[in-house]
N, C-alpha and C. Protein backbone atom coordinates (compact mmCIF):
# COMPACT_ATOMS: atom_id res chain seq x y z
N MET A 1 0.82 -1.16 0.00
CA MET A 1 0.00 0.00 0.00
C MET A 1 0.87 1.23 0.00
N SER A 2 0.49 2.20 -0.81
CA SER A 2 1.29 3.42 -0.88
C SER A 2 0.70 4.45 0.08
N LYS A 3 1.52 5.34 0.51
CA LYS A 3 1.09 6.35 1.46
C LYS A 3 0.66 7.63 0.75
N SER A 4 -0.24 8.32 1.36
CA SER A 4 -0.75 9.55 0.80
C SER A 4 0.28 10.65 0.95
N VAL A 5 0.37 11.48 -0.04
CA VAL A 5 1.31 12.58 0.00
C VAL A 5 0.80 13.69 0.91
N LEU A 6 -0.49 13.90 0.90
CA LEU A 6 -1.06 14.97 1.69
C LEU A 6 -1.18 14.62 3.16
N PHE A 7 -1.58 13.41 3.42
CA PHE A 7 -1.77 13.00 4.80
C PHE A 7 -0.77 11.91 5.11
N SER A 8 0.30 12.30 5.75
CA SER A 8 1.34 11.31 6.03
C SER A 8 0.85 10.32 7.07
N GLY A 9 1.12 9.14 6.87
CA GLY A 9 0.73 8.09 7.78
C GLY A 9 -0.63 7.51 7.47
N VAL A 10 -1.33 8.03 6.50
CA VAL A 10 -2.64 7.49 6.16
C VAL A 10 -2.50 6.80 4.81
N PRO A 11 -2.79 5.53 4.79
CA PRO A 11 -2.68 4.83 3.51
C PRO A 11 -3.77 5.28 2.54
N ARG A 12 -3.47 5.19 1.24
CA ARG A 12 -4.46 5.57 0.23
C ARG A 12 -5.62 4.61 0.27
N GLY A 13 -6.80 5.25 0.18
CA GLY A 13 -7.98 4.39 0.18
C GLY A 13 -8.27 3.84 1.55
N GLY A 14 -7.58 4.33 2.55
CA GLY A 14 -7.75 3.81 3.90
C GLY A 14 -8.93 4.47 4.60
N ASN A 15 -8.67 5.09 5.75
CA ASN A 15 -9.70 5.64 6.60
C ASN A 15 -10.14 7.05 6.19
N VAL A 16 -9.81 7.46 5.02
CA VAL A 16 -10.22 8.78 4.56
C VAL A 16 -11.67 8.69 4.06
N LYS A 17 -12.53 9.57 4.55
CA LYS A 17 -13.92 9.57 4.12
C LYS A 17 -14.02 10.20 2.75
N ARG A 18 -14.76 9.58 1.93
CA ARG A 18 -14.97 10.13 0.60
C ARG A 18 -16.32 10.81 0.55
N LEU A 19 -16.35 11.90 -0.21
CA LEU A 19 -17.62 12.59 -0.38
C LEU A 19 -18.43 11.85 -1.40
N GLY A 20 -19.55 11.37 -0.96
CA GLY A 20 -20.39 10.61 -1.86
C GLY A 20 -21.71 11.31 -2.07
N LYS A 21 -22.61 10.59 -2.66
CA LYS A 21 -23.91 11.17 -2.96
C LYS A 21 -24.71 11.49 -1.69
N ASN A 22 -24.69 10.70 -0.71
CA ASN A 22 -25.54 10.85 0.46
C ASN A 22 -24.84 11.50 1.65
N THR A 23 -23.60 11.84 1.52
CA THR A 23 -22.85 12.38 2.64
C THR A 23 -23.27 13.82 2.91
N GLY A 24 -23.74 14.20 4.12
CA GLY A 24 -24.11 15.55 4.52
C GLY A 24 -25.40 16.06 3.89
N ASN A 25 -26.21 15.23 3.35
CA ASN A 25 -27.43 15.66 2.67
C ASN A 25 -28.64 15.14 3.45
N ARG A 26 -28.68 15.46 4.74
CA ARG A 26 -29.75 14.95 5.59
C ARG A 26 -30.98 15.84 5.58
N GLY A 27 -30.93 17.15 5.07
CA GLY A 27 -32.05 18.07 5.10
C GLY A 27 -31.99 18.94 6.34
N ALA A 28 -32.98 19.82 6.51
CA ALA A 28 -33.00 20.75 7.64
C ALA A 28 -33.74 20.10 8.79
N THR A 29 -33.27 20.39 9.98
CA THR A 29 -33.94 19.88 11.18
C THR A 29 -35.11 20.80 11.51
N LEU A 30 -35.98 20.30 12.37
CA LEU A 30 -37.14 21.08 12.78
C LEU A 30 -36.72 22.36 13.50
N LEU A 31 -35.68 22.32 14.27
CA LEU A 31 -35.18 23.48 14.99
C LEU A 31 -34.71 24.56 14.00
N GLU A 32 -34.02 24.16 12.95
CA GLU A 32 -33.57 25.12 11.95
C GLU A 32 -34.75 25.78 11.24
N VAL A 33 -35.77 25.01 10.93
CA VAL A 33 -36.96 25.56 10.28
C VAL A 33 -37.66 26.56 11.20
N VAL A 34 -37.79 26.24 12.47
CA VAL A 34 -38.43 27.13 13.43
C VAL A 34 -37.64 28.43 13.56
N ILE A 35 -36.33 28.36 13.60
CA ILE A 35 -35.49 29.56 13.71
C ILE A 35 -35.66 30.44 12.47
N VAL A 36 -35.64 29.87 11.29
CA VAL A 36 -35.78 30.64 10.05
C VAL A 36 -37.16 31.29 9.99
N VAL A 37 -38.21 30.57 10.35
CA VAL A 37 -39.56 31.12 10.33
C VAL A 37 -39.67 32.25 11.35
N GLY A 38 -39.07 32.09 12.52
CA GLY A 38 -39.10 33.14 13.55
C GLY A 38 -38.40 34.40 13.09
N VAL A 39 -37.22 34.26 12.50
CA VAL A 39 -36.48 35.42 12.00
C VAL A 39 -37.26 36.11 10.88
N MET A 40 -37.85 35.33 9.99
CA MET A 40 -38.64 35.92 8.91
C MET A 40 -39.88 36.62 9.46
N GLY A 41 -40.49 36.05 10.49
CA GLY A 41 -41.65 36.68 11.12
C GLY A 41 -41.30 38.02 11.74
N ILE A 42 -40.18 38.09 12.43
CA ILE A 42 -39.72 39.36 13.02
C ILE A 42 -39.46 40.39 11.93
N PHE A 43 -38.79 39.98 10.87
CA PHE A 43 -38.49 40.88 9.77
C PHE A 43 -39.77 41.38 9.10
N LEU A 44 -40.72 40.49 8.84
CA LEU A 44 -41.97 40.89 8.18
C LEU A 44 -42.80 41.79 9.09
N THR A 45 -42.80 41.53 10.39
CA THR A 45 -43.53 42.39 11.33
C THR A 45 -42.94 43.80 11.33
N ALA A 46 -41.61 43.90 11.36
CA ALA A 46 -40.95 45.21 11.33
C ALA A 46 -41.25 45.93 10.02
N ALA A 47 -41.21 45.21 8.91
CA ALA A 47 -41.51 45.83 7.61
C ALA A 47 -42.96 46.30 7.55
N TYR A 48 -43.88 45.52 8.10
CA TYR A 48 -45.30 45.88 8.11
C TYR A 48 -45.53 47.14 8.96
N GLN A 49 -44.90 47.21 10.13
CA GLN A 49 -45.02 48.38 10.99
C GLN A 49 -44.47 49.62 10.29
N PHE A 50 -43.36 49.47 9.59
CA PHE A 50 -42.77 50.58 8.85
C PHE A 50 -43.73 51.07 7.77
N LEU A 51 -44.34 50.15 7.05
CA LEU A 51 -45.28 50.53 5.99
C LEU A 51 -46.51 51.22 6.57
N ILE A 52 -46.99 50.77 7.70
CA ILE A 52 -48.14 51.42 8.35
C ILE A 52 -47.77 52.84 8.75
N LEU A 53 -46.59 53.02 9.32
CA LEU A 53 -46.13 54.35 9.72
C LEU A 53 -46.01 55.27 8.50
N MET A 54 -45.44 54.78 7.44
CA MET A 54 -45.28 55.60 6.23
C MET A 54 -46.64 55.94 5.62
N ASN A 55 -47.58 55.01 5.66
CA ASN A 55 -48.93 55.26 5.16
C ASN A 55 -49.62 56.34 5.99
N ALA A 56 -49.46 56.29 7.30
CA ALA A 56 -50.08 57.30 8.17
C ALA A 56 -49.48 58.68 7.89
N ARG A 57 -48.17 58.75 7.72
CA ARG A 57 -47.53 60.03 7.41
C ARG A 57 -47.98 60.56 6.07
N THR A 58 -48.10 59.70 5.09
CA THR A 58 -48.55 60.12 3.77
C THR A 58 -49.98 60.66 3.83
N ARG A 59 -50.85 59.97 4.56
CA ARG A 59 -52.23 60.45 4.71
C ARG A 59 -52.27 61.79 5.43
N SER A 60 -51.42 61.96 6.43
CA SER A 60 -51.36 63.23 7.15
C SER A 60 -50.92 64.36 6.23
N HIS A 61 -49.90 64.10 5.42
CA HIS A 61 -49.43 65.12 4.48
C HIS A 61 -50.50 65.46 3.44
N ILE A 62 -51.22 64.45 2.98
CA ILE A 62 -52.28 64.69 2.00
C ILE A 62 -53.39 65.53 2.63
N ALA A 63 -53.77 65.22 3.86
CA ALA A 63 -54.81 65.99 4.55
C ALA A 63 -54.36 67.44 4.77
N ASP A 64 -53.10 67.63 5.17
CA ASP A 64 -52.57 68.98 5.35
C ASP A 64 -52.58 69.75 4.03
N GLN A 65 -52.19 69.11 2.95
CA GLN A 65 -52.17 69.76 1.64
C GLN A 65 -53.58 70.11 1.17
N GLU A 66 -54.53 69.21 1.42
CA GLU A 66 -55.91 69.49 1.04
C GLU A 66 -56.47 70.68 1.82
N LEU A 67 -56.17 70.75 3.12
CA LEU A 67 -56.61 71.89 3.93
C LEU A 67 -55.96 73.17 3.43
N ASN A 68 -54.68 73.11 3.11
CA ASN A 68 -53.96 74.27 2.57
C ASN A 68 -54.61 74.74 1.27
N ASP A 69 -54.94 73.80 0.39
CA ASP A 69 -55.57 74.15 -0.89
C ASP A 69 -56.94 74.80 -0.68
N ARG A 70 -57.71 74.28 0.27
CA ARG A 70 -59.04 74.85 0.54
C ARG A 70 -58.94 76.25 1.13
N ILE A 71 -57.96 76.47 2.00
CA ILE A 71 -57.76 77.81 2.57
C ILE A 71 -57.36 78.79 1.47
N ASN A 72 -56.47 78.38 0.58
CA ASN A 72 -56.07 79.25 -0.54
C ASN A 72 -57.25 79.55 -1.45
N LEU A 73 -58.10 78.55 -1.71
CA LEU A 73 -59.29 78.78 -2.53
C LEU A 73 -60.21 79.79 -1.85
N PHE A 74 -60.42 79.64 -0.55
CA PHE A 74 -61.24 80.59 0.20
C PHE A 74 -60.66 81.99 0.13
N PHE A 75 -59.33 82.11 0.33
CA PHE A 75 -58.68 83.42 0.27
C PHE A 75 -58.87 84.06 -1.10
N ASN A 76 -58.74 83.28 -2.16
CA ASN A 76 -58.94 83.83 -3.51
C ASN A 76 -60.37 84.30 -3.73
N MET A 77 -61.36 83.50 -3.26
CA MET A 77 -62.76 83.88 -3.43
C MET A 77 -63.10 85.15 -2.67
N ILE A 78 -62.72 85.20 -1.39
CA ILE A 78 -63.11 86.36 -0.58
C ILE A 78 -62.34 87.60 -1.01
N ALA A 79 -61.10 87.46 -1.48
CA ALA A 79 -60.33 88.62 -1.95
C ALA A 79 -60.99 89.20 -3.20
N LYS A 80 -61.40 88.34 -4.14
CA LYS A 80 -62.07 88.82 -5.35
C LYS A 80 -63.39 89.51 -5.01
N ASP A 81 -64.17 88.86 -4.15
CA ASP A 81 -65.45 89.45 -3.76
C ASP A 81 -65.26 90.78 -3.02
N PHE A 82 -64.28 90.85 -2.14
CA PHE A 82 -64.05 92.06 -1.36
C PHE A 82 -63.58 93.22 -2.24
N ARG A 83 -62.69 92.94 -3.18
CA ARG A 83 -62.17 94.00 -4.05
C ARG A 83 -63.26 94.61 -4.93
N THR A 84 -64.23 93.81 -5.34
CA THR A 84 -65.27 94.30 -6.25
C THR A 84 -66.56 94.67 -5.53
N ALA A 85 -66.62 94.48 -4.22
CA ALA A 85 -67.86 94.71 -3.47
C ALA A 85 -68.25 96.17 -3.46
N LYS A 86 -69.53 96.39 -3.59
CA LYS A 86 -70.09 97.74 -3.50
C LYS A 86 -70.36 98.09 -2.04
N LYS A 87 -70.73 97.10 -1.26
CA LYS A 87 -71.00 97.32 0.15
C LYS A 87 -70.54 96.09 0.94
N VAL A 88 -69.93 96.34 2.09
CA VAL A 88 -69.45 95.27 2.96
C VAL A 88 -70.02 95.48 4.36
N THR A 89 -70.58 94.42 4.92
CA THR A 89 -71.09 94.46 6.29
C THR A 89 -70.49 93.28 7.05
N ILE A 90 -69.91 93.56 8.21
CA ILE A 90 -69.32 92.50 9.03
C ILE A 90 -70.01 92.50 10.38
N VAL A 91 -70.51 91.33 10.77
CA VAL A 91 -71.15 91.15 12.06
C VAL A 91 -70.30 90.16 12.85
N GLU A 92 -69.91 90.56 14.05
CA GLU A 92 -69.09 89.70 14.89
C GLU A 92 -69.94 89.18 16.04
N ASN A 93 -70.06 87.86 16.12
CA ASN A 93 -70.75 87.19 17.22
C ASN A 93 -69.69 86.45 18.05
N PRO A 94 -70.05 85.99 19.24
CA PRO A 94 -69.05 85.27 20.05
C PRO A 94 -68.49 84.02 19.37
N GLU A 95 -69.27 83.35 18.56
CA GLU A 95 -68.82 82.10 17.96
C GLU A 95 -68.48 82.20 16.47
N GLN A 96 -68.76 83.35 15.83
CA GLN A 96 -68.55 83.43 14.38
C GLN A 96 -68.50 84.87 13.90
N TYR A 97 -67.96 85.02 12.69
CA TYR A 97 -67.99 86.29 11.96
C TYR A 97 -68.88 86.07 10.75
N ILE A 98 -69.72 87.05 10.44
CA ILE A 98 -70.54 87.00 9.23
C ILE A 98 -70.13 88.20 8.37
N ILE A 99 -69.69 87.92 7.16
CA ILE A 99 -69.29 88.97 6.23
C ILE A 99 -70.26 88.93 5.06
N LYS A 100 -70.99 90.03 4.87
CA LYS A 100 -71.92 90.13 3.75
C LYS A 100 -71.40 91.19 2.80
N MET A 101 -71.40 90.85 1.50
CA MET A 101 -70.90 91.76 0.48
C MET A 101 -71.87 91.83 -0.68
N LYS A 102 -72.01 93.01 -1.21
CA LYS A 102 -72.81 93.22 -2.42
C LYS A 102 -71.82 93.27 -3.57
N VAL A 103 -71.78 92.18 -4.37
CA VAL A 103 -70.78 92.05 -5.42
C VAL A 103 -71.43 92.06 -6.80
N PRO A 104 -70.73 92.59 -7.82
CA PRO A 104 -71.29 92.62 -9.18
C PRO A 104 -71.29 91.22 -9.79
N ILE A 105 -72.32 90.93 -10.57
CA ILE A 105 -72.35 89.64 -11.25
C ILE A 105 -72.42 89.78 -12.77
N ILE A 106 -73.01 90.87 -13.28
CA ILE A 106 -73.16 91.03 -14.73
C ILE A 106 -72.89 92.48 -15.10
N LYS A 107 -72.16 92.66 -16.18
CA LYS A 107 -71.98 94.01 -16.73
C LYS A 107 -72.76 94.05 -18.04
N MET A 108 -73.72 94.95 -18.12
CA MET A 108 -74.61 95.00 -19.29
C MET A 108 -74.66 96.42 -19.85
N LYS A 109 -75.06 96.51 -21.09
CA LYS A 109 -75.28 97.81 -21.71
C LYS A 109 -76.77 98.11 -21.73
N VAL A 110 -77.05 99.38 -21.54
CA VAL A 110 -78.42 99.85 -21.65
C VAL A 110 -78.78 99.79 -23.13
N PRO A 111 -80.05 99.55 -23.48
CA PRO A 111 -80.42 99.38 -24.89
C PRO A 111 -79.89 100.45 -25.84
N ASP A 112 -79.78 101.72 -25.41
CA ASP A 112 -79.27 102.73 -26.34
C ASP A 112 -77.75 102.68 -26.45
N GLY A 113 -77.09 101.86 -25.62
CA GLY A 113 -75.64 101.70 -25.71
C GLY A 113 -74.85 102.80 -25.06
N ALA A 114 -75.50 103.78 -24.45
CA ALA A 114 -74.79 104.93 -23.90
C ALA A 114 -74.20 104.65 -22.52
N GLN A 115 -74.86 103.85 -21.70
CA GLN A 115 -74.40 103.66 -20.33
C GLN A 115 -74.25 102.17 -20.04
N THR A 116 -73.50 101.92 -19.02
CA THR A 116 -73.39 100.54 -18.53
C THR A 116 -73.82 100.52 -17.07
N TYR A 117 -74.31 99.43 -16.66
CA TYR A 117 -74.64 99.25 -15.25
C TYR A 117 -74.33 97.81 -14.86
N ARG A 118 -74.31 97.58 -13.60
CA ARG A 118 -74.02 96.24 -13.10
C ARG A 118 -75.17 95.76 -12.24
N GLU A 119 -75.38 94.47 -12.30
CA GLU A 119 -76.31 93.83 -11.38
C GLU A 119 -75.49 93.29 -10.21
N TYR A 120 -76.06 93.36 -9.04
CA TYR A 120 -75.35 92.94 -7.85
C TYR A 120 -76.13 91.82 -7.15
N ARG A 121 -75.40 91.03 -6.43
CA ARG A 121 -76.02 90.04 -5.57
C ARG A 121 -75.27 90.02 -4.25
N GLU A 122 -75.94 89.55 -3.23
CA GLU A 122 -75.30 89.50 -1.92
C GLU A 122 -74.63 88.14 -1.72
N VAL A 123 -73.38 88.19 -1.31
CA VAL A 123 -72.61 87.00 -0.98
C VAL A 123 -72.35 87.06 0.51
N SER A 124 -72.55 85.95 1.19
CA SER A 124 -72.27 85.95 2.62
C SER A 124 -71.29 84.85 2.98
N TYR A 125 -70.36 85.21 3.81
CA TYR A 125 -69.38 84.28 4.36
C TYR A 125 -69.63 84.15 5.85
N VAL A 126 -69.60 82.93 6.35
CA VAL A 126 -69.71 82.68 7.78
C VAL A 126 -68.41 81.99 8.20
N LEU A 127 -67.66 82.68 9.06
CA LEU A 127 -66.38 82.17 9.52
C LEU A 127 -66.54 81.73 10.97
N LYS A 128 -66.50 80.43 11.20
CA LYS A 128 -66.62 79.86 12.54
C LYS A 128 -65.24 79.37 12.99
N ARG A 129 -65.19 78.95 14.23
CA ARG A 129 -63.92 78.48 14.79
C ARG A 129 -63.41 77.24 14.05
N ASP A 130 -64.31 76.38 13.54
CA ASP A 130 -63.87 75.13 12.93
C ASP A 130 -64.21 74.98 11.44
N GLU A 131 -64.91 75.97 10.86
CA GLU A 131 -65.25 75.88 9.44
C GLU A 131 -65.56 77.26 8.87
N ILE A 132 -65.52 77.34 7.53
CA ILE A 132 -65.86 78.56 6.81
C ILE A 132 -66.87 78.19 5.73
N GLN A 133 -67.93 78.99 5.63
CA GLN A 133 -68.97 78.75 4.63
C GLN A 133 -69.10 79.96 3.72
N ARG A 134 -69.44 79.70 2.47
CA ARG A 134 -69.78 80.76 1.52
C ARG A 134 -71.17 80.45 1.00
N ASP A 135 -72.10 81.33 1.24
CA ASP A 135 -73.49 81.14 0.84
C ASP A 135 -74.03 79.78 1.31
N GLY A 136 -73.71 79.41 2.53
CA GLY A 136 -74.23 78.17 3.12
C GLY A 136 -73.49 76.90 2.73
N ILE A 137 -72.47 77.00 1.89
CA ILE A 137 -71.71 75.83 1.46
C ILE A 137 -70.35 75.85 2.16
N LYS A 138 -69.99 74.71 2.76
CA LYS A 138 -68.70 74.63 3.45
C LYS A 138 -67.57 74.72 2.43
N VAL A 139 -66.71 75.69 2.66
CA VAL A 139 -65.54 75.87 1.80
C VAL A 139 -64.31 75.30 2.48
N VAL A 140 -64.21 75.51 3.78
CA VAL A 140 -63.07 75.02 4.57
C VAL A 140 -63.62 74.41 5.84
N GLN A 141 -63.11 73.24 6.19
CA GLN A 141 -63.44 72.65 7.48
C GLN A 141 -62.19 72.00 8.04
N GLY A 142 -62.13 71.87 9.36
CA GLY A 142 -60.97 71.28 10.00
C GLY A 142 -59.97 72.31 10.51
N ILE A 143 -60.37 73.57 10.56
CA ILE A 143 -59.48 74.60 11.10
C ILE A 143 -59.69 74.68 12.61
N THR A 144 -58.78 75.38 13.29
CA THR A 144 -58.89 75.47 14.75
C THR A 144 -59.22 76.88 15.23
N GLY A 145 -59.23 77.83 14.34
CA GLY A 145 -59.57 79.19 14.75
C GLY A 145 -59.54 80.14 13.58
N VAL A 146 -60.27 81.27 13.75
CA VAL A 146 -60.31 82.29 12.70
C VAL A 146 -60.46 83.64 13.38
N ASN A 147 -59.85 84.65 12.80
CA ASN A 147 -59.94 86.00 13.33
C ASN A 147 -60.09 86.96 12.15
N VAL A 148 -60.96 87.96 12.30
CA VAL A 148 -61.22 88.92 11.23
C VAL A 148 -61.01 90.33 11.75
N GLY A 149 -60.32 91.12 10.97
CA GLY A 149 -60.17 92.55 11.25
C GLY A 149 -60.63 93.33 10.04
N TYR A 150 -61.28 94.49 10.29
CA TYR A 150 -61.83 95.26 9.17
C TYR A 150 -61.61 96.74 9.45
N VAL A 151 -61.07 97.44 8.47
CA VAL A 151 -60.92 98.89 8.53
C VAL A 151 -61.93 99.45 7.55
N LYS A 152 -62.88 100.22 8.07
CA LYS A 152 -63.96 100.75 7.22
C LYS A 152 -63.42 101.70 6.16
N ALA A 153 -64.20 101.84 5.11
CA ALA A 153 -63.82 102.71 4.00
C ALA A 153 -63.67 104.14 4.49
N THR A 154 -62.55 104.73 4.12
CA THR A 154 -62.28 106.14 4.45
C THR A 154 -61.73 106.82 3.21
N ARG A 155 -61.86 108.11 3.18
CA ARG A 155 -61.33 108.88 2.05
C ARG A 155 -59.83 109.04 2.25
N ALA A 156 -59.07 108.74 1.23
CA ALA A 156 -57.63 108.90 1.30
C ALA A 156 -57.28 110.38 1.34
N SER A 157 -56.15 110.68 1.91
CA SER A 157 -55.77 112.09 2.06
C SER A 157 -55.58 112.75 0.70
N GLY A 158 -56.20 113.93 0.53
CA GLY A 158 -56.00 114.75 -0.66
C GLY A 158 -56.72 114.30 -1.91
N GLY A 159 -57.70 113.44 -1.83
CA GLY A 159 -58.34 113.04 -3.08
C GLY A 159 -59.64 112.31 -2.88
N GLU A 160 -60.14 111.79 -3.97
CA GLU A 160 -61.40 111.08 -3.97
C GLU A 160 -61.22 109.58 -3.78
N THR A 161 -60.00 109.13 -3.58
CA THR A 161 -59.75 107.70 -3.45
C THR A 161 -60.26 107.19 -2.11
N PHE A 162 -60.99 106.08 -2.15
CA PHE A 162 -61.47 105.43 -0.95
C PHE A 162 -60.71 104.13 -0.76
N TYR A 163 -60.66 103.70 0.45
CA TYR A 163 -60.09 102.38 0.67
C TYR A 163 -60.67 101.78 1.94
N SER A 164 -60.73 100.48 1.97
CA SER A 164 -61.06 99.73 3.19
C SER A 164 -60.19 98.48 3.16
N GLU A 165 -59.94 97.93 4.33
CA GLU A 165 -59.04 96.78 4.43
C GLU A 165 -59.73 95.64 5.17
N LEU A 166 -59.47 94.43 4.70
CA LEU A 166 -59.96 93.23 5.35
C LEU A 166 -58.76 92.36 5.70
N HIS A 167 -58.68 91.95 6.95
CA HIS A 167 -57.59 91.09 7.42
C HIS A 167 -58.21 89.83 8.01
N ILE A 168 -57.78 88.68 7.51
CA ILE A 168 -58.29 87.39 8.00
C ILE A 168 -57.10 86.52 8.38
N SER A 169 -57.22 85.89 9.53
CA SER A 169 -56.20 84.96 10.01
C SER A 169 -56.87 83.63 10.31
N VAL A 170 -56.35 82.53 9.74
CA VAL A 170 -56.92 81.20 9.92
C VAL A 170 -55.85 80.30 10.52
N SER A 171 -56.20 79.61 11.61
CA SER A 171 -55.28 78.67 12.27
C SER A 171 -55.69 77.23 11.95
N THR A 172 -54.68 76.36 11.83
CA THR A 172 -54.93 74.95 11.51
C THR A 172 -54.44 74.06 12.65
N PRO A 173 -54.82 72.78 12.65
CA PRO A 173 -54.40 71.88 13.72
C PRO A 173 -52.88 71.73 13.85
N GLY A 174 -52.14 71.92 12.79
CA GLY A 174 -50.68 71.80 12.84
C GLY A 174 -50.00 73.05 13.33
N ASP A 175 -50.73 73.94 14.02
CA ASP A 175 -50.20 75.22 14.52
C ASP A 175 -49.66 76.10 13.40
N THR A 176 -50.25 75.99 12.22
CA THR A 176 -49.91 76.86 11.11
C THR A 176 -50.98 77.95 11.03
N THR A 177 -50.54 79.18 10.80
CA THR A 177 -51.47 80.29 10.67
C THR A 177 -51.36 80.86 9.26
N TYR A 178 -52.49 81.02 8.60
CA TYR A 178 -52.55 81.61 7.27
C TYR A 178 -53.18 82.99 7.41
N ASN A 179 -52.59 83.98 6.75
CA ASN A 179 -53.07 85.36 6.85
C ASN A 179 -53.40 85.91 5.47
N LEU A 180 -54.45 86.73 5.43
CA LEU A 180 -54.86 87.41 4.21
C LEU A 180 -55.13 88.87 4.55
N SER A 181 -54.60 89.76 3.73
CA SER A 181 -54.90 91.18 3.83
C SER A 181 -55.30 91.66 2.44
N VAL A 182 -56.48 92.27 2.34
CA VAL A 182 -56.99 92.74 1.05
C VAL A 182 -57.40 94.19 1.20
N VAL A 183 -57.09 94.99 0.18
CA VAL A 183 -57.48 96.40 0.17
C VAL A 183 -58.52 96.59 -0.93
N ARG A 184 -59.59 97.32 -0.59
CA ARG A 184 -60.64 97.64 -1.56
C ARG A 184 -60.58 99.14 -1.80
N ARG A 185 -60.46 99.52 -3.06
CA ARG A 185 -60.25 100.94 -3.38
C ARG A 185 -61.49 101.63 -3.94
N ASN A 186 -62.57 100.90 -4.20
CA ASN A 186 -63.75 101.55 -4.75
C ASN A 186 -64.59 102.19 -3.62
N PRO A 187 -65.27 103.29 -3.92
CA PRO A 187 -66.05 103.95 -2.88
C PRO A 187 -67.22 103.08 -2.43
N PRO A 188 -67.56 103.14 -1.15
CA PRO A 188 -68.66 102.31 -0.63
C PRO A 188 -70.01 102.90 -1.03
N GLU A 189 -71.00 102.06 -0.96
CA GLU A 189 -72.38 102.49 -1.21
C GLU A 189 -73.00 102.80 0.15
N GLY A 190 -73.27 104.05 0.40
CA GLY A 190 -73.87 104.41 1.68
C GLY A 190 -72.87 104.30 2.81
N ASP A 191 -73.39 104.12 4.01
CA ASP A 191 -72.54 104.00 5.18
C ASP A 191 -72.29 102.52 5.48
N GLU A 192 -71.05 102.18 5.62
CA GLU A 192 -70.71 100.79 5.95
C GLU A 192 -70.54 100.63 7.43
């Protein structure tokens, strides 16, 4: 018998184990399967919690953006109405502000074509602590507070120019405050 070059003292074909088809191919034990399932369960639970958190944040951002868009829409509507209003009346109650404006809706020519006149309609805004309505329709909801300031129409120094100012402040649940200041330069109708 010849001796192995790699393993001195061990004859060739002797006690050296050969790798065969069935050597080390016993499969996974029950303990190994339980450990793998447990680790995968922990990983999947953590991933699920992360996805729930991200979904909640995304919904919160969408709700904040929607509220922001509604407040901007309200500011655009009331600014346009205030600038063109012929008459503005503001009533302050303990729970709400009511702003009534006489705004133009149609510009028409008299049949002879010499003069123009406008038709007016009354628009009313109700600003409550938690919502804002225009003509009875909710425009903004989900706010936490609103404040209105109004400077009545006065004659500007040295001329016929009139002006009045409307200041609105709206607070949201995220402690964000939105402010609007609008100046109306047309003369008022009667006493405001």
